């Protein structure tokens, strides 16, 4: 019995979680054939390609998903991470920005050791949204780690003021 596109997407997702990537790819290809106007199968094909280590192919599939569904935050974030691995920060920033994820972009830059770029991204995030508690937190952590304690504390104060306006909460500090 043939499945509908959603059925093939669900089957592909299950197979991918089991590590059965070739079978997952076939299911996603069937979903794509049934819904050629949807970006979702392309996004899922990108995930499988990435899991198989085919990063270039994954980028192409994420880009196709974005062309079909420009508001796909998941495809943009996934593409952004791949671009970051290639040090294509400007293009990655565009993807994270379009996905509404500048704080995550700044955090990722900081984790990769690109402190200057991370600080710039986080400062842009808080300029664009003064209630972005996550961006204030990551900017504060970055400043604190670089020994700029007074500036860091100012960021943490702004984070605490922004918390009532967002669902995001800072991670619990390690003891």
Protein backbone atom coordinates (compact mmCIF):
# COMPACT_ATOMS: atom_id res chain seq x y z
CA UNK A 1 0.00 0.00 0.00
CA UNK A 2 1.25 3.46 -0.89
CA UNK A 3 1.50 6.07 1.82
CA UNK A 4 0.65 9.74 1.54
CA UNK A 5 3.49 12.31 1.79
CA UNK A 6 3.10 12.65 5.57
CA UNK A 7 3.28 8.88 5.94
CA UNK A 8 6.52 8.76 3.96
CA UNK A 9 7.95 11.63 6.02
CA UNK A 10 7.08 9.82 9.25
CA UNK A 11 8.52 6.57 7.92
CA UNK A 12 11.71 8.33 6.83
CA UNK A 13 12.08 10.03 10.20
CA UNK A 14 11.69 6.71 12.02
CA UNK A 15 14.18 4.98 9.73
CA UNK A 16 16.69 7.82 10.15
CA UNK A 17 16.41 7.58 13.95
CA UNK A 18 17.22 3.88 13.61
CA UNK A 19 20.30 4.73 11.54
CA UNK A 20 18.81 3.20 8.40
CA UNK A 21 19.77 6.15 6.20
CA UNK A 22 19.42 4.62 2.71
CA UNK A 23 15.87 3.50 3.52
CA UNK A 24 15.10 6.87 5.11
CA UNK A 25 16.36 8.61 1.97
CA UNK A 26 14.05 6.47 -0.19
CA UNK A 27 11.06 7.38 1.99
CA UNK A 28 11.89 11.09 1.80
CA UNK A 29 12.33 10.83 -1.97
CA UNK A 30 8.85 9.29 -2.22
CA UNK A 31 7.43 12.14 -0.12
CA UNK A 32 9.19 14.64 -2.39
CA UNK A 33 7.76 12.97 -5.51
CA UNK A 34 4.27 13.24 -4.06
CA UNK A 35 4.72 16.85 -2.86
CA UNK A 36 7.30 18.50 -5.17
CA UNK A 37 6.16 21.95 -3.97
CA UNK A 38 7.06 21.23 -0.32
CA UNK A 39 10.41 22.03 1.27
CA UNK A 40 9.94 19.50 4.09
CA UNK A 41 11.18 16.45 2.16
CA UNK A 42 14.20 18.44 0.99
CA UNK A 43 14.98 19.46 4.58
CA UNK A 44 14.76 15.84 5.72
CA UNK A 45 16.97 14.72 2.84
CA UNK A 46 19.47 17.33 4.04
CA UNK A 47 19.41 15.86 7.53
CA UNK A 48 20.07 12.36 6.18
CA UNK A 49 22.89 13.64 3.96
CA UNK A 50 24.41 15.40 6.94
CA UNK A 51 24.14 12.26 9.10
CA UNK A 52 25.90 10.32 6.34
CA UNK A 53 28.68 12.92 6.28
CA UNK A 54 27.75 14.44 2.91
CA UNK A 55 27.84 18.08 3.98
CA UNK A 56 27.93 19.59 0.49
CA UNK A 57 24.89 17.61 -0.57
CA UNK A 58 23.14 18.54 2.69
CA UNK A 59 23.77 22.23 1.96
CA UNK A 60 22.19 21.88 -1.48
CA UNK A 61 19.16 20.12 -0.02
CA UNK A 62 18.73 22.73 2.73
CA UNK A 63 18.97 25.48 0.12
CA UNK A 64 16.29 23.80 -1.97
CA UNK A 65 14.06 23.53 1.12
CA UNK A 66 14.57 27.25 1.76
CA UNK A 67 13.76 28.15 -1.86
CA UNK A 68 10.48 26.26 -1.55
CA UNK A 69 9.72 27.45 1.99
CA UNK A 70 11.66 30.66 2.77
CA UNK A 71 10.31 30.77 6.34
CA UNK A 72 11.74 27.35 7.25
CA UNK A 73 13.73 28.23 10.37
CA UNK A 74 14.90 24.62 10.76
CA UNK A 75 16.43 24.50 7.26
CA UNK A 76 18.04 27.93 7.73
CA UNK A 77 19.57 27.01 11.09
CA UNK A 78 20.86 23.67 9.75
CA UNK A 79 22.37 25.42 6.74
CA UNK A 80 23.82 28.09 9.03
CA UNK A 81 25.63 25.47 11.13
CA UNK A 82 27.16 23.90 8.02
CA UNK A 83 28.29 27.31 6.77
CA UNK A 84 29.85 28.05 10.16
CA UNK A 85 31.93 24.87 9.87
CA UNK A 86 33.35 26.32 6.64
CA UNK A 87 34.04 29.70 8.32
CA UNK A 88 31.44 31.35 6.04
CA UNK A 89 30.26 33.58 8.87
CA UNK A 90 28.59 36.28 6.76
CA UNK A 91 26.39 33.79 4.93
CA UNK A 92 25.73 31.85 8.14
CA UNK A 93 24.68 35.08 9.83
CA UNK A 94 22.14 35.73 7.06
CA UNK A 95 20.64 32.29 7.63
CA UNK A 96 20.53 32.65 11.42
CA UNK A 97 19.10 36.16 11.11
CA UNK A 98 16.39 34.96 8.72
CA UNK A 99 15.59 32.17 11.17
CA UNK A 100 15.37 34.71 14.01
CA UNK A 101 18.28 33.10 15.82
CA UNK A 102 20.99 35.77 16.25
CA UNK A 103 21.59 34.88 19.90
CA UNK A 104 22.29 31.27 18.91
CA UNK A 105 24.62 32.51 16.18
CA UNK A 106 26.55 34.61 18.69
CA UNK A 107 26.72 31.74 21.15
CA UNK A 108 28.03 29.41 18.44
CA UNK A 109 30.68 31.92 17.39
CA UNK A 110 31.80 32.20 21.02
CA UNK A 111 31.98 28.41 21.36
CA UNK A 112 34.15 28.27 18.24
CA UNK A 113 36.53 30.79 19.78
CA UNK A 114 35.58 33.71 17.54
CA UNK A 115 35.10 36.15 20.42
CA UNK A 116 35.19 39.37 18.40
CA UNK A 117 32.62 38.14 15.88
CA UNK A 118 30.50 36.65 18.69
CA UNK A 119 30.42 39.92 20.58
CA UNK A 120 29.44 41.81 17.42
CA UNK A 121 26.62 39.32 16.65
CA UNK A 122 25.30 39.42 20.21
CA UNK A 123 25.41 43.22 20.33
CA UNK A 124 23.43 43.31 17.05
CA UNK A 125 20.92 40.87 18.56
CA UNK A 126 20.29 43.05 21.63
CA UNK A 127 20.12 46.21 19.53
CA UNK A 128 17.42 44.61 17.39
CA UNK A 129 15.53 43.20 20.39
CA UNK A 130 16.25 44.70 23.80
CA UNK A 131 14.12 41.93 25.36
CA UNK A 132 16.29 39.11 24.00
CA UNK A 133 17.28 37.64 27.37
CA UNK A 134 19.27 34.84 25.74
CA UNK A 135 21.42 37.31 23.81
CA UNK A 136 21.99 39.41 26.95
CA UNK A 137 23.03 36.27 28.85
CA UNK A 138 25.50 35.07 26.19
CA UNK A 139 26.94 38.56 25.78
CA UNK A 140 27.37 38.76 29.56
CA UNK A 141 29.09 35.35 29.67
CA UNK A 142 31.41 36.36 26.83
CA UNK A 143 32.35 39.62 28.56
CA UNK A 144 32.76 37.86 31.91
CA UNK A 145 35.04 35.22 30.38
CA UNK A 146 37.19 37.98 28.85
CA UNK A 147 37.57 39.72 32.22
CA UNK A 148 35.21 42.60 31.53
CA UNK A 149 33.20 42.08 34.74
CA UNK A 150 31.41 45.48 35.02
CA UNK A 151 30.14 45.23 31.42
CA UNK A 152 29.14 41.61 32.02
CA UNK A 153 27.14 42.49 35.12
CA UNK A 154 25.32 45.21 33.18
CA UNK A 155 24.33 42.58 30.58
CA UNK A 156 23.14 40.20 33.29
CA UNK A 157 21.01 42.98 34.80
CA UNK A 158 19.44 43.64 31.39
CA UNK A 159 18.87 39.90 31.00
CA UNK A 160 17.02 39.78 34.32
CA UNK A 161 14.83 42.74 33.26
CA UNK A 162 14.03 41.02 29.94
CA UNK A 163 13.11 37.64 31.47
CA UNK A 164 9.42 38.47 32.13
CA UNK A 165 8.99 39.07 28.37
CA UNK A 166 10.40 35.76 27.10
CA UNK A 167 10.11 32.01 27.65
CA UNK A 168 13.91 31.60 27.58
CA UNK A 169 15.67 31.00 30.92
CA UNK A 170 19.41 30.97 31.63
CA UNK A 171 20.99 27.57 32.17
CA UNK A 172 21.66 26.62 35.77
CA UNK A 173 25.20 27.52 36.75
CA UNK A 174 27.54 24.59 37.37
CA UNK A 175 28.81 24.33 40.95
